[in-house]
Amino acid sequence: METPNPAGVRRAVAAALARLGVTPADLVALEETLLYSRGKFQGRSYRAGGYLATWIAGTSFVQLYDEAGNAFSTIELSAPAQMRKAA
């Protein structure tokens, strides 16, 4: 499996959050955090407008969570070619 491009993941998250009504100002301030465990990269998380999105390394999807921490949607990253890093 190819690794999703970080910029493509960020664009997909921002687009999904915009569809949920997150304001353009909040999207510009989208917080991105690199996730590590025991010194090993595990993925990325994104926060804006009260929502949390997580992408776990090695997967082709992002999970969206509401303000209460409930998972409510999944973004599939495997379809668009621009989401992939060149091999």
PDB file of N, CA and C in Angstrom:
ATOM      1  N   MET A   1       0.841  -1.171   0.000  1.00  0.00           N
ATOM      2  CA  MET A   1       0.000   0.000   0.000  1.00  0.00           C
ATOM      3  C   MET A   1       0.890   1.239   0.000  1.00  0.00           C
ATOM      4  N   GLU A   2       0.574   2.202  -0.854  1.00  0.00           N
ATOM      5  CA  GLU A   2       1.286   3.465  -0.877  1.00  0.00           C
ATOM      6  C   GLU A   2       0.836   4.317   0.304  1.00  0.00           C
ATOM      7  N   THR A   3       1.722   5.212   0.735  1.00  0.00           N
ATOM      8  CA  THR A   3       1.410   6.089   1.862  1.00  0.00           C
ATOM      9  C   THR A   3       0.673   7.328   1.377  1.00  0.00           C
ATOM     10  N   PRO A   4      -0.440   7.682   2.008  1.00  0.00           N
ATOM     11  CA  PRO A   4      -1.111   8.930   1.644  1.00  0.00           C
ATOM     12  C   PRO A   4      -0.185  10.123   1.861  1.00  0.00           C
ATOM     13  N   ASN A   5      -0.244  11.068   0.966  1.00  0.00           N
ATOM     14  CA  ASN A   5       0.542  12.288   1.034  1.00  0.00           C
ATOM     15  C   ASN A   5      -0.015  13.170   2.149  1.00  0.00           C
ATOM     16  N   PRO A   6       0.832  13.658   3.084  1.00  0.00           N
ATOM     17  CA  PRO A   6       0.327  14.484   4.185  1.00  0.00           C
ATOM     18  C   PRO A   6      -0.457  15.710   3.728  1.00  0.00           C
ATOM     19  N   ALA A   7      -0.025  16.369   2.671  1.00  0.00           N
ATOM     20  CA  ALA A   7      -0.763  17.540   2.168  1.00  0.00           C
ATOM     21  C   ALA A   7      -2.129  17.123   1.644  1.00  0.00           C
ATOM     22  N   GLY A   8      -2.209  15.969   1.002  1.00  0.00           N
ATOM     23  CA  GLY A   8      -3.489  15.466   0.497  1.00  0.00           C
ATOM     24  C   GLY A   8      -4.435  15.087   1.629  1.00  0.00           C
ATOM     25  N   VAL A   9      -3.882  14.503   2.686  1.00  0.00           N
ATOM     26  CA  VAL A   9      -4.707  14.155   3.853  1.00  0.00           C
ATOM     27  C   VAL A   9      -5.262  15.434   4.478  1.00  0.00           C
ATOM     28  N   ARG A  10      -4.407  16.436   4.612  1.00  0.00           N
ATOM     29  CA  ARG A  10      -4.841  17.714   5.195  1.00  0.00           C
ATOM     30  C   ARG A  10      -5.942  18.344   4.345  1.00  0.00           C
ATOM     31  N   ARG A  11      -5.796  18.321   3.016  1.00  0.00           N
ATOM     32  CA  ARG A  11      -6.835  18.867   2.127  1.00  0.00           C
ATOM     33  C   ARG A  11      -8.151  18.105   2.288  1.00  0.00           C
ATOM     34  N   ALA A  12      -8.078  16.788   2.366  1.00  0.00           N
ATOM     35  CA  ALA A  12      -9.286  15.974   2.516  1.00  0.00           C
ATOM     36  C   ALA A  12      -9.983  16.274   3.838  1.00  0.00           C
ATOM     37  N   VAL A  13      -9.204  16.428   4.909  1.00  0.00           N
ATOM     38  CA  VAL A  13      -9.773  16.755   6.216  1.00  0.00           C
ATOM     39  C   VAL A  13     -10.423  18.133   6.166  1.00  0.00           C
ATOM     40  N   ALA A  14      -9.714  19.125   5.597  1.00  0.00           N
ATOM     41  CA  ALA A  14     -10.264  20.485   5.524  1.00  0.00           C
ATOM     42  C   ALA A  14     -11.557  20.502   4.715  1.00  0.00           C
ATOM     43  N   ALA A  15     -11.606  19.766   3.615  1.00  0.00           N
ATOM     44  CA  ALA A  15     -12.823  19.723   2.794  1.00  0.00           C
ATOM     45  C   ALA A  15     -13.981  19.095   3.565  1.00  0.00           C
ATOM     46  N   ALA A  16     -13.708  18.016   4.293  1.00  0.00           N
ATOM     47  CA  ALA A  16     -14.755  17.358   5.078  1.00  0.00           C
ATOM     48  C   ALA A  16     -15.260  18.284   6.180  1.00  0.00           C
ATOM     49  N   LEU A  17     -14.353  18.983   6.832  1.00  0.00           N
ATOM     50  CA  LEU A  17     -14.756  19.893   7.904  1.00  0.00           C
ATOM     51  C   LEU A  17     -15.538  21.076   7.354  1.00  0.00           C
ATOM     52  N   ALA A  18     -15.166  21.549   6.179  1.00  0.00           N
ATOM     53  CA  ALA A  18     -15.918  22.646   5.546  1.00  0.00           C
ATOM     54  C   ALA A  18     -17.354  22.211   5.262  1.00  0.00           C
ATOM     55  N   ARG A  19     -17.529  20.963   4.796  1.00  0.00           N
ATOM     56  CA  ARG A  19     -18.877  20.449   4.542  1.00  0.00           C
ATOM     57  C   ARG A  19     -19.697  20.357   5.832  1.00  0.00           C
ATOM     58  N   LEU A  20     -19.009  20.242   6.959  1.00  0.00           N
ATOM     59  CA  LEU A  20     -19.689  20.170   8.261  1.00  0.00           C
ATOM     60  C   LEU A  20     -19.977  21.558   8.827  1.00  0.00           C
ATOM     61  N   GLY A  21     -19.550  22.593   8.112  1.00  0.00           N
ATOM     62  CA  GLY A  21     -19.836  23.949   8.550  1.00  0.00           C
ATOM     63  C   GLY A  21     -18.722  24.654   9.293  1.00  0.00           C
ATOM     64  N   VAL A  22     -17.538  24.056   9.344  1.00  0.00           N
ATOM     65  CA  VAL A  22     -16.409  24.738   9.979  1.00  0.00           C
ATOM     66  C   VAL A  22     -16.064  25.960   9.133  1.00  0.00           C
ATOM     67  N   THR A  23     -15.864  27.085   9.780  1.00  0.00           N
ATOM     68  CA  THR A  23     -15.643  28.343   9.070  1.00  0.00           C
ATOM     69  C   THR A  23     -14.277  28.366   8.380  1.00  0.00           C
ATOM     70  N   PRO A  24     -14.171  29.163   7.307  1.00  0.00           N
ATOM     71  CA  PRO A  24     -12.866  29.305   6.642  1.00  0.00           C
ATOM     72  C   PRO A  24     -11.774  29.773   7.610  1.00  0.00           C
ATOM     73  N   ALA A  25     -12.094  30.669   8.529  1.00  0.00           N
ATOM     74  CA  ALA A  25     -11.100  31.140   9.501  1.00  0.00           C
ATOM     75  C   ALA A  25     -10.602  29.991  10.379  1.00  0.00           C
ATOM     76  N   ASP A  26     -11.522  29.119  10.802  1.00  0.00           N
ATOM     77  CA  ASP A  26     -11.114  27.962  11.605  1.00  0.00           C
ATOM     78  C   ASP A  26     -10.298  26.977  10.781  1.00  0.00           C
ATOM     79  N   LEU A  27     -10.612  26.841   9.499  1.00  0.00           N
ATOM     80  CA  LEU A  27      -9.856  25.927   8.642  1.00  0.00           C
ATOM     81  C   LEU A  27      -8.437  26.421   8.410  1.00  0.00           C
ATOM     82  N   VAL A  28      -8.272  27.747   8.299  1.00  0.00           N
ATOM     83  CA  VAL A  28      -6.924  28.311   8.151  1.00  0.00           C
ATOM     84  C   VAL A  28      -6.091  27.995   9.391  1.00  0.00           C
ATOM     85  N   ALA A  29      -6.745  27.975  10.543  1.00  0.00           N
ATOM     86  CA  ALA A  29      -6.066  27.701  11.809  1.00  0.00           C
ATOM     87  C   ALA A  29      -6.090  26.209  12.172  1.00  0.00           C
ATOM     88  N   LEU A  30      -6.384  25.332  11.199  1.00  0.00           N
ATOM     89  CA  LEU A  30      -6.440  23.890  11.432  1.00  0.00           C
ATOM     90  C   LEU A  30      -5.170  23.430  12.156  1.00  0.00           C
ATOM     91  N   GLU A  31      -5.352  22.834  13.324  1.00  0.00           N
ATOM     92  CA  GLU A  31      -4.219  22.338  14.106  1.00  0.00           C
ATOM     93  C   GLU A  31      -3.863  20.931  13.641  1.00  0.00           C
ATOM     94  N   GLU A  32      -2.602  20.715  13.327  1.00  0.00           N
ATOM     95  CA  GLU A  32      -2.125  19.405  12.905  1.00  0.00           C
ATOM     96  C   GLU A  32      -1.074  18.924  13.899  1.00  0.00           C
ATOM     97  N   THR A  33      -1.229  17.702  14.388  1.00  0.00           N
ATOM     98  CA  THR A  33      -0.305  17.126  15.361  1.00  0.00           C
ATOM     99  C   THR A  33       0.230  15.811  14.825  1.00  0.00           C
ATOM    100  N   LEU A  34       1.543  15.642  14.903  1.00  0.00           N
ATOM    101  CA  LEU A  34       2.148  14.358  14.550  1.00  0.00           C
ATOM    102  C   LEU A  34       2.032  13.440  15.759  1.00  0.00           C
ATOM    103  N   LEU A  35       1.631  12.219  15.531  1.00  0.00           N
ATOM    104  CA  LEU A  35       1.424  11.250  16.611  1.00  0.00           C
ATOM    105  C   LEU A  35       2.576  10.242  16.643  1.00  0.00           C
ATOM    106  N   TYR A  36       3.221  10.144  17.781  1.00  0.00           N
ATOM    107  CA  TYR A  36       4.329   9.208  17.979  1.00  0.00           C
ATOM    108  C   TYR A  36       4.053   8.358  19.205  1.00  0.00           C
ATOM    109  N   SER A  37       4.533   7.133  19.163  1.00  0.00           N
ATOM    110  CA  SER A  37       4.482   6.251  20.321  1.00  0.00           C
ATOM    111  C   SER A  37       5.821   5.532  20.403  1.00  0.00           C
ATOM    112  N   ARG A  38       6.495   5.686  21.521  1.00  0.00           N
ATOM    113  CA  ARG A  38       7.809   5.060  21.736  1.00  0.00           C
ATOM    114  C   ARG A  38       8.790   5.430  20.623  1.00  0.00           C
ATOM    115  N   GLY A  39       8.716   6.687  20.181  1.00  0.00           N
ATOM    116  CA  GLY A  39       9.644   7.193  19.179  1.00  0.00           C
ATOM    117  C   GLY A  39       9.311   6.822  17.749  1.00  0.00           C
ATOM    118  N   LYS A  40       8.198   6.140  17.530  1.00  0.00           N
ATOM    119  CA  LYS A  40       7.820   5.718  16.180  1.00  0.00           C
ATOM    120  C   LYS A  40       6.592   6.499  15.710  1.00  0.00           C
ATOM    121  N   PHE A  41       6.654   7.006  14.477  1.00  0.00           N
ATOM    122  CA  PHE A  41       5.537   7.747  13.904  1.00  0.00           C
ATOM    123  C   PHE A  41       4.312   6.844  13.781  1.00  0.00           C
ATOM    124  N   GLN A  42       3.158   7.345  14.275  1.00  0.00           N
ATOM    125  CA  GLN A  42       1.922   6.571  14.252  1.00  0.00           C
ATOM    126  C   GLN A  42       0.830   7.181  13.389  1.00  0.00           C
ATOM    127  N   GLY A  43       0.928   8.488  13.093  1.00  0.00           N
ATOM    128  CA  GLY A  43      -0.111   9.127  12.293  1.00  0.00           C
ATOM    129  C   GLY A  43      -0.173  10.620  12.554  1.00  0.00           C
ATOM    130  N   ARG A  44      -1.325  11.204  12.230  1.00  0.00           N
ATOM    131  CA  ARG A  44      -1.549  12.637  12.400  1.00  0.00           C
ATOM    132  C   ARG A  44      -2.958  12.867  12.922  1.00  0.00           C
ATOM    133  N   SER A  45      -3.109  13.952  13.674  1.00  0.00           N
ATOM    134  CA  SER A  45      -4.445  14.360  14.073  1.00  0.00           C
ATOM    135  C   SER A  45      -4.643  15.816  13.670  1.00  0.00           C
ATOM    136  N   TYR A  46      -5.898  16.186  13.480  1.00  0.00           N
ATOM    137  CA  TYR A  46      -6.272  17.523  13.026  1.00  0.00           C
ATOM    138  C   TYR A  46      -7.442  17.992  13.870  1.00  0.00           C
ATOM    139  N   ARG A  47      -7.411  19.277  14.285  1.00  0.00           N
ATOM    140  CA  ARG A  47      -8.497  19.857  15.085  1.00  0.00           C
ATOM    141  C   ARG A  47      -8.919  21.191  14.500  1.00  0.00           C
ATOM    142  N   ALA A  48     -10.226  21.376  14.401  1.00  0.00           N
ATOM    143  CA  ALA A  48     -10.798  22.668  13.979  1.00  0.00           C
ATOM    144  C   ALA A  48     -12.295  22.638  14.254  1.00  0.00           C
ATOM    145  N   GLY A  49     -12.821  23.780  14.646  1.00  0.00           N
ATOM    146  CA  GLY A  49     -14.260  23.921  14.828  1.00  0.00           C
ATOM    147  C   GLY A  49     -14.887  22.931  15.778  1.00  0.00           C
ATOM    148  N   GLY A  50     -14.122  22.448  16.759  1.00  0.00           N
ATOM    149  CA  GLY A  50     -14.650  21.488  17.722  1.00  0.00           C
ATOM    150  C   GLY A  50     -14.559  20.039  17.269  1.00  0.00           C
ATOM    151  N   TYR A  51     -14.086  19.796  16.050  1.00  0.00           N
ATOM    152  CA  TYR A  51     -13.963  18.434  15.531  1.00  0.00           C
ATOM    153  C   TYR A  51     -12.518  17.956  15.630  1.00  0.00           C
ATOM    154  N   LEU A  52     -12.360  16.654  15.673  1.00  0.00           N
ATOM    155  CA  LEU A  52     -11.058  15.999  15.649  1.00  0.00           C
ATOM    156  C   LEU A  52     -11.072  15.000  14.506  1.00  0.00           C
ATOM    157  N   ALA A  53      -9.981  14.955  13.771  1.00  0.00           N
ATOM    158  CA  ALA A  53      -9.816  13.947  12.715  1.00  0.00           C
ATOM    159  C   ALA A  53      -8.482  13.258  12.955  1.00  0.00           C
ATOM    160  N   THR A  54      -8.444  11.942  12.791  1.00  0.00           N
ATOM    161  CA  THR A  54      -7.185  11.216  12.951  1.00  0.00           C
ATOM    162  C   THR A  54      -6.925  10.326  11.748  1.00  0.00           C
ATOM    163  N   TRP A  55      -5.667  10.323  11.328  1.00  0.00           N
ATOM    164  CA  TRP A  55      -5.187   9.410  10.297  1.00  0.00           C
ATOM    165  C   TRP A  55      -4.096   8.581  10.941  1.00  0.00           C
ATOM    166  N   ILE A  56      -4.238   7.276  10.925  1.00  0.00           N
ATOM    167  CA  ILE A  56      -3.250   6.364  11.488  1.00  0.00           C
ATOM    168  C   ILE A  56      -2.361   5.862  10.353  1.00  0.00           C
ATOM    169  N   ALA A  57      -1.051   5.973  10.539  1.00  0.00           N
ATOM    170  CA  ALA A  57      -0.087   5.557   9.526  1.00  0.00           C
ATOM    171  C   ALA A  57      -0.375   4.130   9.067  1.00  0.00           C
ATOM    172  N   GLY A  58      -0.249   3.923   7.776  1.00  0.00           N
ATOM    173  CA  GLY A  58      -0.474   2.598   7.215  1.00  0.00           C
ATOM    174  C   GLY A  58      -1.912   2.335   6.814  1.00  0.00           C
ATOM    175  N   THR A  59      -2.795   3.296   7.050  1.00  0.00           N
ATOM    176  CA  THR A  59      -4.196   3.135   6.650  1.00  0.00           C
ATOM    177  C   THR A  59      -4.520   4.122   5.536  1.00  0.00           C
ATOM    178  N   SER A  60      -5.654   3.934   4.912  1.00  0.00           N
ATOM    179  CA  SER A  60      -6.070   4.823   3.821  1.00  0.00           C
ATOM    180  C   SER A  60      -7.373   5.536   4.168  1.00  0.00           C
ATOM    181  N   PHE A  61      -7.558   5.839   5.460  1.00  0.00           N
ATOM    182  CA  PHE A  61      -8.763   6.548   5.869  1.00  0.00           C
ATOM    183  C   PHE A  61      -8.474   7.472   7.047  1.00  0.00           C
ATOM    184  N   VAL A  62      -9.351   8.451   7.211  1.00  0.00           N
ATOM    185  CA  VAL A  62      -9.319   9.377   8.341  1.00  0.00           C
ATOM    186  C   VAL A  62     -10.633   9.216   9.089  1.00  0.00           C
ATOM    187  N   GLN A  63     -10.559   9.129  10.396  1.00  0.00           N
ATOM    188  CA  GLN A  63     -11.749   9.015  11.226  1.00  0.00           C
ATOM    189  C   GLN A  63     -12.079  10.391  11.803  1.00  0.00           C
ATOM    190  N   LEU A  64     -13.348  10.795  11.714  1.00  0.00           N
ATOM    191  CA  LEU A  64     -13.803  12.071  12.254  1.00  0.00           C
ATOM    192  C   LEU A  64     -14.541  11.852  13.570  1.00  0.00           C
ATOM    193  N   TYR A  65     -14.305  12.770  14.534  1.00  0.00           N
ATOM    194  CA  TYR A  65     -14.918  12.715  15.858  1.00  0.00           C
ATOM    195  C   TYR A  65     -15.602  14.041  16.156  1.00  0.00           C
ATOM    196  N   ASP A  66     -16.730  13.988  16.857  1.00  0.00           N
ATOM    197  CA  ASP A  66     -17.429  15.219  17.243  1.00  0.00           C
ATOM    198  C   ASP A  66     -16.815  15.776  18.530  1.00  0.00           C
ATOM    199  N   GLU A  67     -17.399  16.867  19.033  1.00  0.00           N
ATOM    200  CA  GLU A  67     -16.875  17.532  20.229  1.00  0.00           C
ATOM    201  C   GLU A  67     -16.869  16.639  21.457  1.00  0.00           C
ATOM    202  N   ALA A  68     -17.782  15.672  21.501  1.00  0.00           N
ATOM    203  CA  ALA A  68     -17.857  14.752  22.638  1.00  0.00           C
ATOM    204  C   ALA A  68     -16.916  13.555  22.488  1.00  0.00           C
ATOM    205  N   GLY A  69     -16.186  13.483  21.360  1.00  0.00           N
ATOM    206  CA  GLY A  69     -15.258  12.378  21.144  1.00  0.00           C
ATOM    207  C   GLY A  69     -15.872  11.161  20.488  1.00  0.00           C
ATOM    208  N   ASN A  70     -17.081  11.307  19.965  1.00  0.00           N
ATOM    209  CA  ASN A  70     -17.756  10.193  19.303  1.00  0.00           C
ATOM    210  C   ASN A  70     -17.367  10.143  17.829  1.00  0.00           C
ATOM    211  N   ALA A  71     -16.920   8.979  17.365  1.00  0.00           N
ATOM    212  CA  ALA A  71     -16.614   8.798  15.948  1.00  0.00           C
ATOM    213  C   ALA A  71     -17.925   8.845  15.175  1.00  0.00           C
ATOM    214  N   PHE A  72     -17.965   9.619  14.088  1.00  0.00           N
ATOM    215  CA  PHE A  72     -19.213   9.717  13.345  1.00  0.00           C
ATOM    216  C   PHE A  72     -19.056   9.605  11.834  1.00  0.00           C
ATOM    217  N   SER A  73     -17.837   9.634  11.322  1.00  0.00           N
ATOM    218  CA  SER A  73     -17.662   9.545   9.875  1.00  0.00           C
ATOM    219  C   SER A  73     -16.242   9.102   9.553  1.00  0.00           C
ATOM    220  N   THR A  74     -16.085   8.516   8.368  1.00  0.00           N
ATOM    221  CA  THR A  74     -14.777   8.087   7.880  1.00  0.00           C
ATOM    222  C   THR A  74     -14.551   8.661   6.498  1.00  0.00           C
ATOM    223  N   ILE A  75     -13.365   9.187   6.263  1.00  0.00           N
ATOM    224  CA  ILE A  75     -12.970   9.695   4.943  1.00  0.00           C
ATOM    225  C   ILE A  75     -12.051   8.659   4.313  1.00  0.00           C
ATOM    226  N   GLU A  76     -12.409   8.147   3.154  1.00  0.00           N
ATOM    227  CA  GLU A  76     -11.577   7.185   2.426  1.00  0.00           C
ATOM    228  C   GLU A  76     -10.566   7.967   1.594  1.00  0.00           C
ATOM    229  N   LEU A  77      -9.277   7.650   1.747  1.00  0.00           N
ATOM    230  CA  LEU A  77      -8.221   8.377   1.051  1.00  0.00           C
ATOM    231  C   LEU A  77      -7.693   7.657  -0.183  1.00  0.00           C
ATOM    232  N   SER A  78      -8.116   6.459  -0.444  1.00  0.00           N
ATOM    233  CA  SER A  78      -7.482   5.655  -1.495  1.00  0.00           C
ATOM    234  C   SER A  78      -7.894   6.018  -2.911  1.00  0.00           C
ATOM    235  N   ALA A  79      -8.999   6.701  -3.114  1.00  0.00           N
ATOM    236  CA  ALA A  79      -9.482   6.933  -4.469  1.00  0.00           C
ATOM    237  C   ALA A  79      -8.671   7.971  -5.269  1.00  0.00           C
ATOM    238  N   PRO A  80      -8.557   9.211  -4.812  1.00  0.00           N
ATOM    239  CA  PRO A  80      -7.887  10.219  -5.643  1.00  0.00           C
ATOM    240  C   PRO A  80      -6.401   9.989  -5.771  1.00  0.00           C
ATOM    241  N   ALA A  81      -5.894  10.072  -6.991  1.00  0.00           N
ATOM    242  CA  ALA A  81      -4.455   9.867  -7.235  1.00  0.00           C
ATOM    243  C   ALA A  81      -3.611  10.906  -6.510  1.00  0.00           C
ATOM    244  N   GLN A  82      -4.105  12.142  -6.356  1.00  0.00           N
ATOM    245  CA  GLN A  82      -3.315  13.178  -5.699  1.00  0.00           C
ATOM    246  C   GLN A  82      -3.120  12.907  -4.216  1.00  0.00           C
ATOM    247  N   MET A  83      -3.840  11.957  -3.653  1.00  0.00           N
ATOM    248  CA  MET A  83      -3.687  11.622  -2.246  1.00  0.00           C
ATOM    249  C   MET A  83      -2.482  10.719  -2.014  1.00  0.00           C
ATOM    250  N   ARG A  84      -1.894  10.220  -3.075  1.00  0.00           N
ATOM    251  CA  ARG A  84      -0.809   9.252  -2.966  1.00  0.00           C
ATOM    252  C   ARG A  84       0.535   9.885  -3.252  1.00  0.00           C
ATOM    253  N   LYS A  85       1.549   9.362  -2.603  1.00  0.00           N
ATOM    254  CA  LYS A  85       2.915   9.767  -2.849  1.00  0.00           C
ATOM    255  C   LYS A  85       3.408   8.975  -4.069  1.00  0.00           C
ATOM    256  N   ALA A  86       4.182   9.595  -4.900  1.00  0.00           N
ATOM    257  CA  ALA A  86       4.716   8.882  -6.075  1.00  0.00           C
ATOM    258  C   ALA A  86       5.619   7.747  -5.593  1.00  0.00           C
ATOM    259  N   ALA A  87       5.499   6.594  -6.246  1.00  0.00           N
ATOM    260  CA  ALA A  87       6.285   5.414  -5.842  1.00  0.00           C
ATOM    261  C   ALA A  87       7.729   5.549  -6.262  1.00  0.00           C
TER     262      ALA A  87
END
